[in-house]
Amino acid sequence: MSELVVTDIITGEGKAVVKGALITLHYTGTLDDGTVFDSSHKRGQPFQCVIGTGRVIKGWDQGLMGMQVGGKRVLNVPAHLAYGERQMGALIPANSNLNFEVELFEVLTRD
């Protein structure tokens, strides 16, 4: 896989993700073999991050743009848009493609 693949499961109807927005979402991240390496569901609370400013992996910065609140999306992120040649912790080997199922709850912008 060399390109980011974005698949909408449910198209939201709320505010859309834009660069610099603070977003709140639930996600589950898996490797290509189905191994779950991270999930906000397991922690029992949604994840918040600022999007489009390099604070998360490039696959998220690119793949979540335009997603609308209430939406559910799958991101298939090639290794070079994830952690590349770096191993991350015990669960993500170097050069891993990462897959995320994401559910968007809130988009906060300064406007």
Protein backbone atom coordinates (compact mmCIF):
# COMPACT_ATOMS: atom_id res chain seq x y z
CA MET A 1 0.00 0.00 0.00
CA SER A 2 1.55 3.29 -1.06
CA GLU A 3 -1.38 5.69 -0.88
CA LEU A 4 -3.74 6.72 1.91
CA VAL A 5 -7.16 5.12 1.44
CA VAL A 6 -10.15 6.86 3.03
CA THR A 7 -13.50 5.06 3.21
CA ASP A 8 -16.58 6.68 4.71
CA ILE A 9 -18.84 4.17 6.50
CA ILE A 10 -21.23 6.89 7.68
CA THR A 11 -21.11 10.42 6.28
CA GLY A 12 -21.63 12.88 9.10
CA GLU A 13 -23.83 15.95 8.88
CA GLY A 14 -22.12 18.21 11.40
CA LYS A 15 -19.18 20.57 11.31
CA ALA A 16 -16.28 19.51 9.07
CA VAL A 17 -12.67 18.99 10.13
CA VAL A 18 -10.39 21.82 9.02
CA LYS A 19 -6.70 22.51 9.59
CA GLY A 20 -6.02 23.63 13.16
CA ALA A 21 -9.33 22.34 14.58
CA LEU A 22 -9.46 20.59 17.95
CA ILE A 23 -11.28 17.34 17.26
CA THR A 24 -12.79 14.72 19.56
CA LEU A 25 -13.12 11.16 18.29
CA HIS A 26 -13.09 7.49 19.15
CA TYR A 27 -10.76 5.23 17.21
CA THR A 28 -9.43 1.72 17.01
CA GLY A 29 -6.07 1.14 15.34
CA THR A 30 -5.09 -2.20 13.82
CA LEU A 31 -2.18 -3.65 11.92
CA ASP A 32 -2.75 -5.35 8.55
CA ASP A 33 -2.99 -8.73 10.31
CA GLY A 34 -5.87 -7.46 12.47
CA THR A 35 -3.86 -6.98 15.68
CA VAL A 36 -5.31 -4.06 17.69
CA PHE A 37 -2.45 -1.80 18.78
CA ASP A 38 -4.49 1.04 20.28
CA SER A 39 -8.09 1.99 20.99
CA SER A 40 -9.66 4.98 22.70
CA HIS A 41 -12.66 2.72 23.44
CA LYS A 42 -10.50 0.62 25.78
CA ARG A 43 -9.52 3.75 27.72
CA GLY A 44 -13.19 4.64 28.09
CA GLN A 45 -12.91 8.18 26.81
CA PRO A 46 -12.63 9.83 23.40
CA PHE A 47 -9.30 11.11 22.09
CA GLN A 48 -8.70 14.81 21.42
CA CYS A 49 -6.08 16.30 19.13
CA VAL A 50 -5.37 19.32 16.97
CA ILE A 51 -5.47 18.25 13.33
CA GLY A 52 -3.49 19.41 10.31
CA THR A 53 -0.52 20.80 12.24
CA GLY A 54 1.80 17.80 12.50
CA ARG A 55 0.79 16.73 16.01
CA VAL A 56 -0.50 13.34 14.84
CA ILE A 57 0.64 11.01 12.06
CA LYS A 58 0.42 12.40 8.51
CA GLY A 59 -2.21 9.81 7.63
CA TRP A 60 -4.54 11.39 10.21
CA ASP A 61 -3.66 14.97 9.23
CA GLN A 62 -4.59 14.13 5.62
CA GLY A 63 -7.29 11.49 6.10
CA LEU A 64 -9.50 13.31 8.59
CA MET A 65 -9.76 16.60 6.66
CA GLY A 66 -13.33 17.32 5.62
CA MET A 67 -14.79 14.56 7.79
CA GLN A 68 -18.03 15.74 9.41
CA VAL A 69 -19.26 15.33 12.99
CA GLY A 70 -21.37 12.18 13.29
CA GLY A 71 -19.32 10.42 10.63
CA LYS A 72 -17.51 7.11 10.76
CA ARG A 73 -14.48 6.55 8.55
CA VAL A 74 -11.81 3.95 7.91
CA LEU A 75 -8.26 5.15 7.22
CA ASN A 76 -5.80 2.73 5.64
CA VAL A 77 -2.50 4.49 6.27
CA PRO A 78 0.67 3.38 4.46
CA ALA A 79 3.80 3.14 6.63
CA HIS A 80 5.36 6.32 5.20
CA LEU A 81 2.33 8.33 6.40
CA ALA A 82 2.41 6.63 9.82
CA TYR A 83 5.68 5.96 11.68
CA GLY A 84 7.79 4.87 8.68
CA GLU A 85 10.95 3.03 9.65
CA ARG A 86 10.44 3.65 13.37
CA GLN A 87 9.07 0.97 15.66
CA MET A 88 6.50 2.43 18.05
CA GLY A 89 6.33 0.68 21.39
CA ALA A 90 5.94 -3.08 21.55
CA LEU A 91 2.96 -3.34 19.22
CA ILE A 92 3.86 -1.41 16.05
CA PRO A 93 6.81 -2.85 14.09
CA ALA A 94 8.87 -0.64 11.77
CA ASN A 95 7.42 -0.12 8.26
CA SER A 96 3.86 -0.98 9.36
CA ASN A 97 0.73 0.04 7.50
CA LEU A 98 -1.87 1.17 10.04
CA ASN A 99 -5.65 0.93 9.80
CA PHE A 100 -8.00 3.08 11.86
CA GLU A 101 -11.74 3.08 12.34
CA VAL A 102 -12.65 6.57 13.48
CA GLU A 103 -15.90 8.06 14.79
CA LEU A 104 -15.99 11.87 14.96
CA PHE A 105 -17.89 13.59 17.81
CA GLU A 106 -16.80 17.22 17.87
CA VAL A 107 -14.89 19.83 15.85
CA LEU A 108 -13.87 23.03 17.62
CA THR A 109 -12.46 25.94 15.63
CA ARG A 110 -11.56 29.50 16.56
CA ASP A 111 -14.15 31.10 14.28
